[in-house]
Amino acid sequence: MRAYVSMSPESAVRLSILRTAPLNSWVALSPDESRIVAVGQTYAEVAKLSDAAGEADPIILKTPTQWGPVSFTER
Protein backbone atom coordinates (compact mmCIF):
# COMPACT_ATOMS: atom_id res chain seq x y z
CA MET A 1 0.00 0.00 0.00
CA ARG A 2 1.35 3.42 -0.96
CA ALA A 3 0.84 6.46 1.20
CA TYR A 4 0.37 9.76 -0.58
CA VAL A 5 1.31 13.05 0.98
CA SER A 6 -0.48 16.24 0.06
CA MET A 7 1.82 19.25 0.38
CA SER A 8 1.31 22.94 0.04
CA PRO A 9 3.31 24.61 -2.74
CA GLU A 10 5.54 26.19 -0.08
CA SER A 11 6.32 22.81 1.48
CA ALA A 12 7.13 21.33 -1.92
CA VAL A 13 9.58 24.21 -2.60
CA ARG A 14 11.21 23.74 0.81
CA LEU A 15 11.58 19.99 0.23
CA SER A 16 13.07 20.60 -3.20
CA ILE A 17 15.62 23.03 -1.72
CA LEU A 18 16.51 20.69 1.14
CA ARG A 19 17.11 17.79 -1.25
CA THR A 20 19.97 19.83 -2.77
CA ALA A 21 21.72 20.01 0.62
CA PRO A 22 24.24 17.39 1.72
CA LEU A 23 22.82 14.45 3.64
CA ASN A 24 23.37 14.27 7.41
CA SER A 25 24.28 17.96 7.66
CA TRP A 26 23.01 21.00 9.48
CA VAL A 27 21.36 23.50 7.13
CA ALA A 28 20.22 27.09 7.62
CA LEU A 29 17.37 28.37 5.47
CA SER A 30 16.46 32.00 4.90
CA PRO A 31 13.47 33.09 7.02
CA ASP A 32 11.17 32.75 4.00
CA GLU A 33 12.59 29.23 3.40
CA SER A 34 13.43 30.07 -0.22
CA ARG A 35 17.18 29.41 -0.10
CA ILE A 36 19.97 27.73 1.83
CA VAL A 37 22.19 30.29 3.54
CA ALA A 38 24.63 27.94 5.30
CA VAL A 39 25.58 24.27 5.57
CA GLY A 40 27.81 22.64 8.17
CA GLN A 41 28.52 19.61 10.29
CA THR A 42 27.31 21.14 13.59
CA TYR A 43 24.51 23.42 14.70
CA ALA A 44 27.04 25.91 16.09
CA GLU A 45 28.92 26.04 12.78
CA VAL A 46 25.75 26.74 10.79
CA ALA A 47 24.59 29.38 13.28
CA LYS A 48 27.96 31.17 12.97
CA LEU A 49 27.97 30.92 9.14
CA SER A 50 24.38 32.20 8.98
CA ASP A 51 25.27 35.17 11.14
CA ALA A 52 28.30 35.90 8.93
CA ALA A 53 26.02 35.73 5.88
CA GLY A 54 23.78 38.41 7.41
CA GLU A 55 20.85 36.16 8.31
CA ALA A 56 19.78 37.15 11.80
CA ASP A 57 16.87 34.71 12.08
CA PRO A 58 17.52 31.61 9.94
CA ILE A 59 15.63 28.34 10.16
CA ILE A 60 18.18 25.71 11.16
CA LEU A 61 17.55 22.00 10.77
CA LYS A 62 19.34 18.73 10.15
CA THR A 63 19.02 16.81 6.88
CA PRO A 64 18.37 13.07 7.06
CA THR A 65 21.04 10.44 6.49
CA GLN A 66 19.00 9.20 3.52
CA TRP A 67 16.00 10.54 1.60
CA GLY A 68 13.05 8.22 1.20
CA PRO A 69 10.67 8.27 -1.73
CA VAL A 70 7.90 10.85 -1.60
CA SER A 71 4.76 10.89 -3.71
CA PHE A 72 2.85 14.13 -4.18
CA THR A 73 -0.78 14.76 -4.92
CA GLU A 74 -2.23 18.05 -6.11
CA ARG A 75 -4.26 20.06 -3.64
PDB file of N, CA and C in Angstrom:
ATOM      1  N   MET A   1       0.844  -1.166   0.000  1.00  0.00           N
ATOM      2  CA  MET A   1       0.000   0.000   0.000  1.00  0.00           C
ATOM      3  C   MET A   1       0.895   1.237   0.000  1.00  0.00           C
ATOM      4  N   ARG A   2       0.590   2.174  -0.888  1.00  0.00           N
ATOM      5  CA  ARG A   2       1.347   3.419  -0.956  1.00  0.00           C
ATOM      6  C   ARG A   2       0.622   4.503  -0.189  1.00  0.00           C
ATOM      7  N   ALA A   3       1.403   5.300   0.515  1.00  0.00           N
ATOM      8  CA  ALA A   3       0.843   6.462   1.200  1.00  0.00           C
ATOM      9  C   ALA A   3       1.154   7.688   0.361  1.00  0.00           C
ATOM     10  N   TYR A   4       0.180   8.534   0.181  1.00  0.00           N
ATOM     11  CA  TYR A   4       0.370   9.759  -0.580  1.00  0.00           C
ATOM     12  C   TYR A   4       0.318  10.944   0.367  1.00  0.00           C
ATOM     13  N   VAL A   5       1.225  11.863   0.140  1.00  0.00           N
ATOM     14  CA  VAL A   5       1.312  13.047   0.976  1.00  0.00           C
ATOM     15  C   VAL A   5       0.860  14.249   0.167  1.00  0.00           C
ATOM     16  N   SER A   6      -0.039  15.013   0.711  1.00  0.00           N
ATOM     17  CA  SER A   6      -0.479  16.242   0.065  1.00  0.00           C
ATOM     18  C   SER A   6       0.291  17.391   0.696  1.00  0.00           C
ATOM     19  N   MET A   7       0.999  18.154  -0.132  1.00  0.00           N
ATOM     20  CA  MET A   7       1.821  19.253   0.377  1.00  0.00           C
ATOM     21  C   MET A   7       1.392  20.571  -0.228  1.00  0.00           C
ATOM     22  N   SER A   8       1.544  21.601   0.569  1.00  0.00           N
ATOM     23  CA  SER A   8       1.307  22.937   0.044  1.00  0.00           C
ATOM     24  C   SER A   8       2.436  23.269  -0.930  1.00  0.00           C
ATOM     25  N   PRO A   9       2.227  24.221  -1.818  1.00  0.00           N
ATOM     26  CA  PRO A   9       3.312  24.613  -2.738  1.00  0.00           C
ATOM     27  C   PRO A   9       4.565  25.057  -1.995  1.00  0.00           C
ATOM     28  N   GLU A  10       4.387  25.744  -0.859  1.00  0.00           N
ATOM     29  CA  GLU A  10       5.540  26.194  -0.075  1.00  0.00           C
ATOM     30  C   GLU A  10       6.338  25.014   0.474  1.00  0.00           C
ATOM     31  N   SER A  11       5.642  23.999   0.953  1.00  0.00           N
ATOM     32  CA  SER A  11       6.316  22.815   1.482  1.00  0.00           C
ATOM     33  C   SER A  11       7.059  22.074   0.379  1.00  0.00           C
ATOM     34  N   ALA A  12       6.471  22.005  -0.794  1.00  0.00           N
ATOM     35  CA  ALA A  12       7.126  21.335  -1.917  1.00  0.00           C
ATOM     36  C   ALA A  12       8.404  22.072  -2.314  1.00  0.00           C
ATOM     37  N   VAL A  13       8.381  23.413  -2.288  1.00  0.00           N
ATOM     38  CA  VAL A  13       9.577  24.205  -2.603  1.00  0.00           C
ATOM     39  C   VAL A  13      10.651  23.957  -1.556  1.00  0.00           C
ATOM     40  N   ARG A  14      10.257  23.970  -0.277  1.00  0.00           N
ATOM     41  CA  ARG A  14      11.212  23.738   0.806  1.00  0.00           C
ATOM     42  C   ARG A  14      11.850  22.351   0.678  1.00  0.00           C
ATOM     43  N   LEU A  15      11.055  21.341   0.397  1.00  0.00           N
ATOM     44  CA  LEU A  15      11.584  19.990   0.234  1.00  0.00           C
ATOM     45  C   LEU A  15      12.554  19.931  -0.939  1.00  0.00           C
ATOM     46  N   SER A  16      12.207  20.568  -2.024  1.00  0.00           N
ATOM     47  CA  SER A  16      13.073  20.598  -3.196  1.00  0.00           C
ATOM     48  C   SER A  16      14.415  21.247  -2.864  1.00  0.00           C
ATOM     49  N   ILE A  17      14.385  22.342  -2.126  1.00  0.00           N
ATOM     50  CA  ILE A  17      15.619  23.031  -1.720  1.00  0.00           C
ATOM     51  C   ILE A  17      16.439  22.144  -0.788  1.00  0.00           C
ATOM     52  N   LEU A  18      15.790  21.533   0.183  1.00  0.00           N
ATOM     53  CA  LEU A  18      16.513  20.687   1.139  1.00  0.00           C
ATOM     54  C   LEU A  18      17.161  19.481   0.475  1.00  0.00           C
ATOM     55  N   ARG A  19      16.530  18.947  -0.567  1.00  0.00           N
ATOM     56  CA  ARG A  19      17.107  17.789  -1.250  1.00  0.00           C
ATOM     57  C   ARG A  19      18.410  18.128  -1.973  1.00  0.00           C
ATOM     58  N   THR A  20      18.698  19.430  -2.153  1.00  0.00           N
ATOM     59  CA  THR A  20      19.975  19.828  -2.767  1.00  0.00           C
ATOM     60  C   THR A  20      21.088  19.921  -1.727  1.00  0.00           C
ATOM     61  N   ALA A  21      20.732  19.908  -0.456  1.00  0.00           N
ATOM     62  CA  ALA A  21      21.725  20.011   0.622  1.00  0.00           C
ATOM     63  C   ALA A  21      22.382  18.654   0.867  1.00  0.00           C
ATOM     64  N   PRO A  22      23.594  18.661   1.397  1.00  0.00           N
ATOM     65  CA  PRO A  22      24.243  17.386   1.720  1.00  0.00           C
ATOM     66  C   PRO A  22      23.456  16.611   2.778  1.00  0.00           C
ATOM     67  N   LEU A  23      23.466  15.310   2.652  1.00  0.00           N
ATOM     68  CA  LEU A  23      22.820  14.452   3.643  1.00  0.00           C
ATOM     69  C   LEU A  23      23.556  14.528   4.974  1.00  0.00           C
ATOM     70  N   ASN A  24      22.821  14.325   6.058  1.00  0.00           N
ATOM     71  CA  ASN A  24      23.372  14.270   7.408  1.00  0.00           C
ATOM     72  C   ASN A  24      24.175  15.521   7.750  1.00  0.00           C
ATOM     73  N   SER A  25      23.633  16.677   7.386  1.00  0.00           N
ATOM     74  CA  SER A  25      24.285  17.961   7.658  1.00  0.00           C
ATOM     75  C   SER A  25      23.287  18.908   8.308  1.00  0.00           C
ATOM     76  N   TRP A  26      23.828  19.918   8.957  1.00  0.00           N
ATOM     77  CA  TRP A  26      23.007  20.997   9.475  1.00  0.00           C
ATOM     78  C   TRP A  26      22.866  22.033   8.367  1.00  0.00           C
ATOM     79  N   VAL A  27      21.655  22.564   8.208  1.00  0.00           N
ATOM     80  CA  VAL A  27      21.355  23.501   7.130  1.00  0.00           C
ATOM     81  C   VAL A  27      20.593  24.689   7.711  1.00  0.00           C
ATOM     82  N   ALA A  28      20.956  25.889   7.250  1.00  0.00           N
ATOM     83  CA  ALA A  28      20.217  27.088   7.622  1.00  0.00           C
ATOM     84  C   ALA A  28      19.482  27.597   6.390  1.00  0.00           C
ATOM     85  N   LEU A  29      18.186  27.811   6.539  1.00  0.00           N
ATOM     86  CA  LEU A  29      17.368  28.367   5.466  1.00  0.00           C
ATOM     87  C   LEU A  29      17.085  29.830   5.773  1.00  0.00           C
ATOM     88  N   SER A  30      16.883  30.611   4.719  1.00  0.00           N
ATOM     89  CA  SER A  30      16.460  31.995   4.901  1.00  0.00           C
ATOM     90  C   SER A  30      15.111  31.983   5.612  1.00  0.00           C
ATOM     91  N   PRO A  31      14.746  33.070   6.288  1.00  0.00           N
ATOM     92  CA  PRO A  31      13.472  33.087   7.023  1.00  0.00           C
ATOM     93  C   PRO A  31      12.252  32.764   6.161  1.00  0.00           C
ATOM     94  N   ASP A  32      12.301  33.089   4.872  1.00  0.00           N
ATOM     95  CA  ASP A  32      11.168  32.752   3.999  1.00  0.00           C
ATOM     96  C   ASP A  32      11.289  31.352   3.404  1.00  0.00           C
ATOM     97  N   GLU A  33      12.335  30.620   3.809  1.00  0.00           N
ATOM     98  CA  GLU A  33      12.590  29.234   3.401  1.00  0.00           C
ATOM     99  C   GLU A  33      12.764  29.072   1.897  1.00  0.00           C
ATOM    100  N   SER A  34      13.266  30.116   1.234  1.00  0.00           N
ATOM    101  CA  SER A  34      13.430  30.071  -0.220  1.00  0.00           C
ATOM    102  C   SER A  34      14.838  29.714  -0.663  1.00  0.00           C
ATOM    103  N   ARG A  35      15.803  29.728   0.287  1.00  0.00           N
ATOM    104  CA  ARG A  35      17.179  29.413  -0.104  1.00  0.00           C
ATOM    105  C   ARG A  35      17.978  28.932   1.104  1.00  0.00           C
ATOM    106  N   ILE A  36      19.035  28.186   0.801  1.00  0.00           N
ATOM    107  CA  ILE A  36      19.969  27.732   1.831  1.00  0.00           C
ATOM    108  C   ILE A  36      21.001  28.830   2.020  1.00  0.00           C
ATOM    109  N   VAL A  37      21.207  29.240   3.270  1.00  0.00           N
ATOM    110  CA  VAL A  37      22.189  30.289   3.540  1.00  0.00           C
ATOM    111  C   VAL A  37      23.473  29.746   4.164  1.00  0.00           C
ATOM    112  N   ALA A  38      23.424  28.541   4.720  1.00  0.00           N
ATOM    113  CA  ALA A  38      24.626  27.938   5.303  1.00  0.00           C
ATOM    114  C   ALA A  38      24.442  26.437   5.456  1.00  0.00           C
ATOM    115  N   VAL A  39      25.549  25.719   5.373  1.00  0.00           N
ATOM    116  CA  VAL A  39      25.578  24.271   5.565  1.00  0.00           C
ATOM    117  C   VAL A  39      26.807  23.943   6.393  1.00  0.00           C
ATOM    118  N   GLY A  40      26.672  23.032   7.356  1.00  0.00           N
ATOM    119  CA  GLY A  40      27.815  22.644   8.172  1.00  0.00           C
ATOM    120  C   GLY A  40      27.579  21.317   8.859  1.00  0.00           C
ATOM    121  N   GLN A  41      28.589  20.889   9.599  1.00  0.00           N
ATOM    122  CA  GLN A  41      28.516  19.607  10.292  1.00  0.00           C
ATOM    123  C   GLN A  41      27.931  19.718  11.699  1.00  0.00           C
ATOM    124  N   THR A  42      27.877  20.950  12.253  1.00  0.00           N
ATOM    125  CA  THR A  42      27.308  21.141  13.588  1.00  0.00           C
ATOM    126  C   THR A  42      26.331  22.313  13.572  1.00  0.00           C
ATOM    127  N   TYR A  43      25.454  22.317  14.551  1.00  0.00           N
ATOM    128  CA  TYR A  43      24.514  23.424  14.702  1.00  0.00           C
ATOM    129  C   TYR A  43      25.264  24.731  14.901  1.00  0.00           C
ATOM    130  N   ALA A  44      26.267  24.700  15.777  1.00  0.00           N
ATOM    131  CA  ALA A  44      27.038  25.913  16.085  1.00  0.00           C
ATOM    132  C   ALA A  44      27.715  26.469  14.831  1.00  0.00           C
ATOM    133  N   GLU A  45      28.270  25.598  14.012  1.00  0.00           N
ATOM    134  CA  GLU A  45      28.924  26.038  12.782  1.00  0.00           C
ATOM    135  C   GLU A  45      27.934  26.738  11.851  1.00  0.00           C
ATOM    136  N   VAL A  46      26.759  26.153  11.682  1.00  0.00           N
ATOM    137  CA  VAL A  46      25.747  26.736  10.794  1.00  0.00           C
ATOM    138  C   VAL A  46      25.231  28.054  11.361  1.00  0.00           C
ATOM    139  N   ALA A  47      25.046  28.132  12.658  1.00  0.00           N
ATOM    140  CA  ALA A  47      24.594  29.383  13.275  1.00  0.00           C
ATOM    141  C   ALA A  47      25.619  30.490  13.033  1.00  0.00           C
ATOM    142  N   LYS A  48      26.886  30.183  13.189  1.00  0.00           N
ATOM    143  CA  LYS A  48      27.958  31.165  12.968  1.00  0.00           C
ATOM    144  C   LYS A  48      28.018  31.583  11.494  1.00  0.00           C
ATOM    145  N   LEU A  49      27.939  30.617  10.581  1.00  0.00           N
ATOM    146  CA  LEU A  49      27.967  30.925   9.145  1.00  0.00           C
ATOM    147  C   LEU A  49      26.752  31.746   8.719  1.00  0.00           C
ATOM    148  N   SER A  50      25.592  31.454   9.290  1.00  0.00           N
ATOM    149  CA  SER A  50      24.381  32.204   8.981  1.00  0.00           C
ATOM    150  C   SER A  50      24.522  33.653   9.423  1.00  0.00           C
ATOM    151  N   ASP A  51      25.052  33.826  10.621  1.00  0.00           N
ATOM    152  CA  ASP A  51      25.273  35.171  11.140  1.00  0.00           C
ATOM    153  C   ASP A  51      26.242  35.937  10.241  1.00  0.00           C
ATOM    154  N   ALA A  52      27.312  35.278   9.813  1.00  0.00           N
ATOM    155  CA  ALA A  52      28.303  35.904   8.929  1.00  0.00           C
ATOM    156  C   ALA A  52      27.693  36.247   7.565  1.00  0.00           C
ATOM    157  N   ALA A  53      26.684  35.486   7.149  1.00  0.00           N
ATOM    158  CA  ALA A  53      26.016  35.735   5.877  1.00  0.00           C
ATOM    159  C   ALA A  53      24.947  36.822   5.995  1.00  0.00           C
ATOM    160  N   GLY A  54      24.747  37.335   7.213  1.00  0.00           N
ATOM    161  CA  GLY A  54      23.779  38.406   7.410  1.00  0.00           C
ATOM    162  C   GLY A  54      22.371  37.958   7.702  1.00  0.00           C
ATOM    163  N   GLU A  55      22.183  36.681   7.975  1.00  0.00           N
ATOM    164  CA  GLU A  55      20.850  36.157   8.313  1.00  0.00           C
ATOM    165  C   GLU A  55      20.708  36.120   9.835  1.00  0.00           C
ATOM    166  N   ALA A  56      19.931  37.046  10.349  1.00  0.00           N
ATOM    167  CA  ALA A  56      19.775  37.149  11.800  1.00  0.00           C
ATOM    168  C   ALA A  56      18.822  36.101  12.372  1.00  0.00           C
ATOM    169  N   ASP A  57      17.878  35.622  11.577  1.00  0.00           N
ATOM    170  CA  ASP A  57      16.866  34.706  12.084  1.00  0.00           C
ATOM    171  C   ASP A  57      16.638  33.529  11.132  1.00  0.00           C
ATOM    172  N   PRO A  58      17.684  32.726  10.864  1.00  0.00           N
ATOM    173  CA  PRO A  58      17.516  31.607   9.936  1.00  0.00           C
ATOM    174  C   PRO A  58      16.731  30.460  10.566  1.00  0.00           C
ATOM    175  N   ILE A  59      16.263  29.582   9.713  1.00  0.00           N
ATOM    176  CA  ILE A  59      15.630  28.341  10.162  1.00  0.00           C
ATOM    177  C   ILE A  59      16.701  27.268  10.035  1.00  0.00           C
ATOM    178  N   ILE A  60      17.087  26.685  11.157  1.00  0.00           N
ATOM    179  CA  ILE A  60      18.178  25.706  11.163  1.00  0.00           C
ATOM    180  C   ILE A  60      17.606  24.326  11.438  1.00  0.00           C
ATOM    181  N   LEU A  61      18.003  23.374  10.590  1.00  0.00           N
ATOM    182  CA  LEU A  61      17.550  21.999  10.767  1.00  0.00           C
ATOM    183  C   LEU A  61      18.609  21.033  10.255  1.00  0.00           C
ATOM    184  N   LYS A  62      18.402  19.778  10.557  1.00  0.00           N
ATOM    185  CA  LYS A  62      19.336  18.732  10.148  1.00  0.00           C
ATOM    186  C   LYS A  62      18.718  17.910   9.025  1.00  0.00           C
ATOM    187  N   THR A  63      19.505  17.651   7.974  1.00  0.00           N
ATOM    188  CA  THR A  63      19.017  16.815   6.883  1.00  0.00           C
ATOM    189  C   THR A  63      19.135  15.342   7.291  1.00  0.00           C
ATOM    190  N   PRO A  64      18.325  14.490   6.700  1.00  0.00           N
ATOM    191  CA  PRO A  64      18.370  13.069   7.057  1.00  0.00           C
ATOM    192  C   PRO A  64      19.627  12.385   6.504  1.00  0.00           C
ATOM    193  N   THR A  65      19.896  11.209   6.992  1.00  0.00           N
ATOM    194  CA  THR A  65      21.038  10.439   6.493  1.00  0.00           C
ATOM    195  C   THR A  65      20.729   9.839   5.128  1.00  0.00           C
ATOM    196  N   GLN A  66      19.426   9.734   4.809  1.00  0.00           N
ATOM    197  CA  GLN A  66      18.996   9.197   3.518  1.00  0.00           C
ATOM    198  C   GLN A  66      17.592   9.716   3.237  1.00  0.00           C
ATOM    199  N   TRP A  67      17.348  10.104   1.987  1.00  0.00           N
ATOM    200  CA  TRP A  67      16.002  10.536   1.602  1.00  0.00           C
ATOM    201  C   TRP A  67      15.190   9.323   1.181  1.00  0.00           C
ATOM    202  N   GLY A  68      13.971   9.260   1.633  1.00  0.00           N
ATOM    203  CA  GLY A  68      13.055   8.219   1.205  1.00  0.00           C
ATOM    204  C   GLY A  68      12.224   8.727   0.041  1.00  0.00           C
ATOM    205  N   PRO A  69      11.526   7.842  -0.626  1.00  0.00           N
ATOM    206  CA  PRO A  69      10.674   8.270  -1.735  1.00  0.00           C
ATOM    207  C   PRO A  69       9.467   9.064  -1.211  1.00  0.00           C
ATOM    208  N   VAL A  70       9.066  10.045  -1.963  1.00  0.00           N
ATOM    209  CA  VAL A  70       7.902  10.853  -1.602  1.00  0.00           C
ATOM    210  C   VAL A  70       7.011  10.956  -2.836  1.00  0.00           C
ATOM    211  N   SER A  71       5.732  10.723  -2.639  1.00  0.00           N
ATOM    212  CA  SER A  71       4.762  10.892  -3.714  1.00  0.00           C
ATOM    213  C   SER A  71       3.899  12.104  -3.384  1.00  0.00           C
ATOM    214  N   PHE A  72       3.638  12.923  -4.378  1.00  0.00           N
ATOM    215  CA  PHE A  72       2.853  14.128  -4.181  1.00  0.00           C
ATOM    216  C   PHE A  72       1.503  14.001  -4.857  1.00  0.00           C
ATOM    217  N   THR A  73       0.514  14.614  -4.267  1.00  0.00           N
ATOM    218  CA  THR A  73      -0.784  14.764  -4.920  1.00  0.00           C
ATOM    219  C   THR A  73      -1.091  16.245  -4.979  1.00  0.00           C
ATOM    220  N   GLU A  74      -1.841  16.636  -5.973  1.00  0.00           N
ATOM    221  CA  GLU A  74      -2.227  18.048  -6.108  1.00  0.00           C
ATOM    222  C   GLU A  74      -3.289  18.381  -5.094  1.00  0.00           C
ATOM    223  N   ARG A  75      -3.229  19.581  -4.569  1.00  0.00           N
ATOM    224  CA  ARG A  75      -4.263  20.062  -3.635  1.00  0.00           C
ATOM    225  C   ARG A  75      -5.370  20.704  -4.395  1.00  0.00           C
TER     226      ARG A  75
END
